[in-house]
Amino acid sequence: MSDYNPENVNKRNTRTWVKVNEDSHSNFHRNNFCKSYGGEFNKTGKYFQWEALEKAPERRILIFEREGEVFEVENVLEFCRNHQLTKSALYEVVSGKRKHHKNFRFVTKK
């Protein structure tokens, strides 16, 4: 169970507010709070104010080509399993260390 209450983090003189602002280990408490609930703390005047950030996870789509056929890849591991490829070799193709892997060439990222 967490010692923090996200509803009280910005209410002065609550237990959570004191931990993240006036406690001798307040930096530690702010870091743990952000790990648990996300968001970030911004200093407003003398004290810190927590803001929840709504951040959509970034989906990276890689585009590969083999003999004129184009593949849009979201999940590299699954793509490698389906086409009998080596994941590390495919990442080397993406990074430019290799030109191709089993005739799969990297085209671009979306």
N, C-alpha and C. Protein backbone atom coordinates (compact mmCIF):
# COMPACT_ATOMS: atom_id res chain seq x y z
N MET A 1 0.84 -1.19 0.00
CA MET A 1 0.00 0.00 0.00
C MET A 1 0.88 1.24 0.00
N SER A 2 0.51 2.21 -0.79
CA SER A 2 1.29 3.42 -0.94
C SER A 2 1.02 4.39 0.21
N ASP A 3 2.08 5.12 0.58
CA ASP A 3 1.96 6.13 1.63
C ASP A 3 1.44 7.45 1.08
N TYR A 4 1.23 7.52 -0.22
CA TYR A 4 0.84 8.77 -0.86
C TYR A 4 -0.62 8.74 -1.27
N ASN A 5 -1.25 9.90 -1.16
CA ASN A 5 -2.63 10.05 -1.61
C ASN A 5 -2.63 11.11 -2.70
N PRO A 6 -2.83 10.70 -3.97
CA PRO A 6 -2.74 11.68 -5.04
C PRO A 6 -3.79 12.78 -4.97
N GLU A 7 -4.87 12.54 -4.25
CA GLU A 7 -5.89 13.58 -4.10
C GLU A 7 -5.42 14.70 -3.18
N ASN A 8 -4.48 14.40 -2.30
CA ASN A 8 -4.02 15.39 -1.32
C ASN A 8 -2.65 15.97 -1.61
N VAL A 9 -2.04 15.58 -2.70
CA VAL A 9 -0.66 16.01 -2.95
C VAL A 9 -0.53 17.52 -3.13
N ASN A 10 -1.57 18.18 -3.60
CA ASN A 10 -1.51 19.63 -3.79
C ASN A 10 -2.27 20.41 -2.71
N LYS A 11 -2.80 19.71 -1.71
CA LYS A 11 -3.51 20.38 -0.60
C LYS A 11 -2.53 20.61 0.53
N ARG A 12 -2.33 21.86 0.89
CA ARG A 12 -1.36 22.21 1.92
C ARG A 12 -1.68 21.55 3.26
N ASN A 13 -0.59 21.18 3.93
CA ASN A 13 -0.60 20.62 5.28
C ASN A 13 -1.27 19.25 5.39
N THR A 14 -1.44 18.56 4.27
CA THR A 14 -1.85 17.16 4.35
C THR A 14 -0.58 16.32 4.44
N ARG A 15 -0.72 15.08 4.85
CA ARG A 15 0.45 14.22 5.03
C ARG A 15 1.25 14.08 3.73
N THR A 16 0.57 13.87 2.62
CA THR A 16 1.26 13.71 1.34
C THR A 16 1.95 15.00 0.93
N TRP A 17 1.28 16.13 1.09
CA TRP A 17 1.86 17.42 0.71
C TRP A 17 3.12 17.69 1.52
N VAL A 18 3.08 17.41 2.81
CA VAL A 18 4.24 17.64 3.67
C VAL A 18 5.40 16.75 3.24
N LYS A 19 5.11 15.49 2.89
CA LYS A 19 6.18 14.58 2.46
C LYS A 19 6.89 15.07 1.21
N VAL A 20 6.16 15.58 0.26
CA VAL A 20 6.79 15.98 -1.01
C VAL A 20 7.32 17.42 -0.98
N ASN A 21 7.00 18.19 0.06
CA ASN A 21 7.45 19.58 0.11
C ASN A 21 8.36 19.91 1.29
N GLU A 22 8.02 19.48 2.49
CA GLU A 22 8.75 19.95 3.67
C GLU A 22 9.54 18.86 4.38
N ASP A 23 9.39 17.62 4.01
CA ASP A 23 10.11 16.52 4.64
C ASP A 23 11.60 16.61 4.29
N SER A 24 12.46 16.12 5.16
CA SER A 24 13.90 16.17 4.88
C SER A 24 14.27 15.29 3.68
N HIS A 25 13.43 14.35 3.33
CA HIS A 25 13.65 13.48 2.17
C HIS A 25 12.62 13.77 1.08
N SER A 26 12.25 15.02 0.92
CA SER A 26 11.18 15.37 -0.01
C SER A 26 11.52 15.02 -1.46
N ASN A 27 12.79 15.14 -1.86
CA ASN A 27 13.17 14.79 -3.22
C ASN A 27 12.93 13.30 -3.47
N PHE A 28 13.28 12.47 -2.51
CA PHE A 28 13.03 11.03 -2.60
C PHE A 28 11.53 10.76 -2.72
N HIS A 29 10.71 11.43 -1.92
CA HIS A 29 9.26 11.23 -1.95
C HIS A 29 8.67 11.70 -3.28
N ARG A 30 9.15 12.82 -3.83
CA ARG A 30 8.66 13.28 -5.13
C ARG A 30 8.98 12.27 -6.22
N ASN A 31 10.19 11.73 -6.21
CA ASN A 31 10.56 10.73 -7.22
C ASN A 31 9.70 9.48 -7.11
N ASN A 32 9.49 9.00 -5.88
CA ASN A 32 8.65 7.81 -5.69
C ASN A 32 7.20 8.07 -6.09
N PHE A 33 6.71 9.26 -5.79
CA PHE A 33 5.34 9.61 -6.15
C PHE A 33 5.18 9.59 -7.67
N CYS A 34 6.15 10.16 -8.38
CA CYS A 34 6.09 10.19 -9.86
C CYS A 34 6.20 8.79 -10.44
N LYS A 35 6.98 7.91 -9.81
CA LYS A 35 7.06 6.52 -10.30
C LYS A 35 5.72 5.82 -10.13
N SER A 36 5.02 6.12 -9.05
CA SER A 36 3.74 5.46 -8.77
C SER A 36 2.58 6.03 -9.58
N TYR A 37 2.52 7.35 -9.71
CA TYR A 37 1.34 7.99 -10.29
C TYR A 37 1.63 8.76 -11.58
N GLY A 38 2.89 8.80 -12.01
CA GLY A 38 3.23 9.55 -13.22
C GLY A 38 3.19 11.04 -12.95
N GLY A 39 3.20 11.82 -13.98
CA GLY A 39 3.15 13.27 -13.83
C GLY A 39 4.51 13.83 -13.48
N GLU A 40 4.50 15.07 -13.06
CA GLU A 40 5.75 15.73 -12.68
C GLU A 40 5.46 16.82 -11.66
N PHE A 41 6.50 17.20 -10.92
CA PHE A 41 6.40 18.28 -9.95
C PHE A 41 7.05 19.52 -10.53
N ASN A 42 6.36 20.64 -10.41
CA ASN A 42 6.89 21.94 -10.84
C ASN A 42 6.95 22.85 -9.63
N LYS A 43 8.05 23.57 -9.52
CA LYS A 43 8.21 24.47 -8.38
C LYS A 43 7.44 25.75 -8.64
N THR A 44 6.50 26.04 -7.74
CA THR A 44 5.73 27.28 -7.83
C THR A 44 5.99 28.05 -6.54
N GLY A 45 6.83 29.06 -6.64
CA GLY A 45 7.21 29.80 -5.44
C GLY A 45 8.14 28.95 -4.59
N LYS A 46 7.75 28.77 -3.33
CA LYS A 46 8.59 28.02 -2.39
C LYS A 46 8.31 26.52 -2.45
N TYR A 47 7.14 26.13 -2.93
CA TYR A 47 6.73 24.73 -2.87
C TYR A 47 6.55 24.12 -4.25
N PHE A 48 6.41 22.79 -4.25
CA PHE A 48 6.22 22.05 -5.50
C PHE A 48 4.75 21.72 -5.71
N GLN A 49 4.33 21.81 -6.95
CA GLN A 49 2.96 21.51 -7.35
C GLN A 49 3.02 20.32 -8.30
N TRP A 50 2.19 19.29 -8.07
CA TRP A 50 2.18 18.12 -8.93
C TRP A 50 1.17 18.29 -10.05
N GLU A 51 1.57 17.91 -11.27
CA GLU A 51 0.66 17.94 -12.41
C GLU A 51 0.68 16.57 -13.07
N ALA A 52 -0.50 16.01 -13.24
CA ALA A 52 -0.61 14.73 -13.94
C ALA A 52 -0.45 14.98 -15.43
N LEU A 53 0.35 14.19 -16.06
CA LEU A 53 0.56 14.32 -17.50
C LEU A 53 -0.13 13.16 -18.20
N GLU A 54 -0.98 13.48 -19.13
CA GLU A 54 -1.62 12.44 -19.91
C GLU A 54 -0.81 12.28 -21.18
N LYS A 55 -0.06 11.20 -21.21
CA LYS A 55 0.85 10.98 -22.30
C LYS A 55 0.51 9.65 -22.95
N ALA A 56 0.16 9.70 -24.19
CA ALA A 56 -0.14 8.46 -24.91
C ALA A 56 1.18 7.76 -25.23
N PRO A 57 1.23 6.47 -25.06
CA PRO A 57 2.46 5.77 -25.39
C PRO A 57 2.76 5.90 -26.89
N GLU A 58 4.02 6.14 -27.17
CA GLU A 58 4.40 6.32 -28.56
C GLU A 58 4.47 4.97 -29.25
N ARG A 59 3.80 4.86 -30.37
CA ARG A 59 3.84 3.64 -31.18
C ARG A 59 4.77 3.90 -32.34
N ARG A 60 5.78 3.12 -32.44
CA ARG A 60 6.73 3.28 -33.52
C ARG A 60 6.44 2.23 -34.58
N ILE A 61 6.27 2.68 -35.80
CA ILE A 61 6.02 1.76 -36.91
C ILE A 61 7.23 1.81 -37.83
N LEU A 62 7.82 0.65 -38.06
CA LEU A 62 8.95 0.53 -38.96
C LEU A 62 8.46 -0.05 -40.28
N ILE A 63 8.99 0.45 -41.36
CA ILE A 63 8.57 -0.04 -42.67
C ILE A 63 9.75 -0.74 -43.34
N PHE A 64 9.53 -2.00 -43.70
CA PHE A 64 10.54 -2.81 -44.37
C PHE A 64 10.04 -3.19 -45.75
N GLU A 65 10.99 -3.54 -46.62
CA GLU A 65 10.65 -3.92 -47.98
C GLU A 65 11.46 -5.17 -48.33
N ARG A 66 10.81 -6.12 -49.00
CA ARG A 66 11.49 -7.31 -49.50
C ARG A 66 10.94 -7.63 -50.88
N GLU A 67 11.80 -7.53 -51.86
CA GLU A 67 11.45 -7.85 -53.23
C GLU A 67 10.17 -7.15 -53.69
N GLY A 68 10.06 -5.86 -53.38
CA GLY A 68 8.91 -5.07 -53.81
C GLY A 68 7.72 -5.12 -52.88
N GLU A 69 7.70 -6.04 -51.93
CA GLU A 69 6.60 -6.15 -50.97
C GLU A 69 6.92 -5.30 -49.74
N VAL A 70 5.97 -4.48 -49.31
CA VAL A 70 6.18 -3.55 -48.20
C VAL A 70 5.50 -4.09 -46.94
N PHE A 71 6.21 -4.01 -45.81
CA PHE A 71 5.70 -4.48 -44.52
C PHE A 71 5.75 -3.33 -43.52
N GLU A 72 4.60 -3.03 -42.90
CA GLU A 72 4.55 -2.06 -41.80
C GLU A 72 4.57 -2.84 -40.50
N VAL A 73 5.56 -2.58 -39.65
CA VAL A 73 5.80 -3.39 -38.47
C VAL A 73 5.62 -2.55 -37.21
N GLU A 74 4.71 -2.99 -36.32
CA GLU A 74 4.56 -2.36 -35.00
C GLU A 74 5.29 -3.18 -33.95
N ASN A 75 5.22 -4.49 -34.04
CA ASN A 75 5.83 -5.39 -33.07
C ASN A 75 6.95 -6.16 -33.77
N VAL A 76 8.18 -5.74 -33.51
CA VAL A 76 9.33 -6.33 -34.19
C VAL A 76 9.51 -7.80 -33.82
N LEU A 77 9.33 -8.13 -32.56
CA LEU A 77 9.52 -9.52 -32.12
C LEU A 77 8.54 -10.45 -32.83
N GLU A 78 7.29 -10.07 -32.88
CA GLU A 78 6.28 -10.89 -33.56
C GLU A 78 6.57 -11.00 -35.06
N PHE A 79 6.99 -9.89 -35.66
CA PHE A 79 7.34 -9.89 -37.08
C PHE A 79 8.49 -10.85 -37.35
N CYS A 80 9.51 -10.83 -36.48
CA CYS A 80 10.65 -11.72 -36.63
C CYS A 80 10.24 -13.18 -36.51
N ARG A 81 9.37 -13.48 -35.55
CA ARG A 81 8.91 -14.86 -35.38
C ARG A 81 8.14 -15.33 -36.61
N ASN A 82 7.29 -14.47 -37.15
CA ASN A 82 6.46 -14.85 -38.30
C ASN A 82 7.27 -15.04 -39.58
N HIS A 83 8.44 -14.36 -39.68
CA HIS A 83 9.23 -14.42 -40.91
C HIS A 83 10.58 -15.10 -40.70
N GLN A 84 10.76 -15.81 -39.58
CA GLN A 84 12.00 -16.51 -39.26
C GLN A 84 13.23 -15.59 -39.38
N LEU A 85 13.15 -14.43 -38.70
CA LEU A 85 14.24 -13.46 -38.70
C LEU A 85 14.86 -13.37 -37.32
N THR A 86 16.05 -12.81 -37.26
CA THR A 86 16.72 -12.56 -36.00
C THR A 86 16.48 -11.11 -35.61
N LYS A 87 15.95 -10.91 -34.40
CA LYS A 87 15.58 -9.56 -33.96
C LYS A 87 16.80 -8.63 -33.94
N SER A 88 17.91 -9.09 -33.41
CA SER A 88 19.09 -8.23 -33.32
C SER A 88 19.61 -7.85 -34.71
N ALA A 89 19.54 -8.79 -35.64
CA ALA A 89 19.98 -8.49 -37.01
C ALA A 89 19.05 -7.47 -37.65
N LEU A 90 17.75 -7.57 -37.37
CA LEU A 90 16.80 -6.62 -37.94
C LEU A 90 17.04 -5.22 -37.36
N TYR A 91 17.36 -5.13 -36.06
CA TYR A 91 17.67 -3.83 -35.48
C TYR A 91 18.97 -3.26 -36.05
N GLU A 92 19.91 -4.12 -36.42
CA GLU A 92 21.12 -3.64 -37.07
C GLU A 92 20.80 -3.05 -38.45
N VAL A 93 19.82 -3.62 -39.12
CA VAL A 93 19.37 -3.07 -40.40
C VAL A 93 18.77 -1.68 -40.16
N VAL A 94 17.96 -1.54 -39.12
CA VAL A 94 17.33 -0.25 -38.80
C VAL A 94 18.39 0.79 -38.46
N SER A 95 19.41 0.40 -37.69
CA SER A 95 20.43 1.35 -37.26
C SER A 95 21.44 1.67 -38.36
N GLY A 96 21.44 0.87 -39.44
CA GLY A 96 22.35 1.14 -40.55
C GLY A 96 23.62 0.33 -40.52
N LYS A 97 23.79 -0.55 -39.54
CA LYS A 97 24.99 -1.38 -39.47
C LYS A 97 24.98 -2.45 -40.56
N ARG A 98 23.79 -2.86 -40.98
CA ARG A 98 23.65 -3.84 -42.05
C ARG A 98 22.74 -3.26 -43.12
N LYS A 99 22.93 -3.69 -44.35
CA LYS A 99 22.09 -3.20 -45.44
C LYS A 99 20.79 -3.99 -45.51
N HIS A 100 20.83 -5.28 -45.17
CA HIS A 100 19.63 -6.11 -45.22
C HIS A 100 19.80 -7.32 -44.32
N HIS A 101 18.71 -7.97 -44.04
CA HIS A 101 18.70 -9.24 -43.30
C HIS A 101 17.68 -10.14 -43.99
N LYS A 102 18.19 -11.21 -44.60
CA LYS A 102 17.36 -12.14 -45.37
C LYS A 102 16.49 -11.39 -46.38
N ASN A 103 17.11 -10.47 -47.08
CA ASN A 103 16.49 -9.63 -48.12
C ASN A 103 15.49 -8.61 -47.59
N PHE A 104 15.35 -8.43 -46.29
CA PHE A 104 14.50 -7.36 -45.73
C PHE A 104 15.36 -6.12 -45.60
N ARG A 105 14.94 -5.06 -46.25
CA ARG A 105 15.62 -3.77 -46.19
C ARG A 105 14.75 -2.77 -45.44
N PHE A 106 15.41 -1.92 -44.65
CA PHE A 106 14.70 -0.90 -43.89
C PHE A 106 14.38 0.27 -44.81
N VAL A 107 13.13 0.74 -44.75
CA VAL A 107 12.72 1.88 -45.57
C VAL A 107 12.64 3.15 -44.73
N THR A 108 11.77 3.18 -43.73
CA THR A 108 11.59 4.39 -42.94
C THR A 108 10.83 4.08 -41.65
N LYS A 109 10.74 5.10 -40.77
CA LYS A 109 9.94 5.04 -39.54
C LYS A 109 8.73 5.93 -39.71
N LYS A 110 7.65 5.57 -39.06
CA LYS A 110 6.46 6.43 -39.03
C LYS A 110 6.25 6.92 -37.63
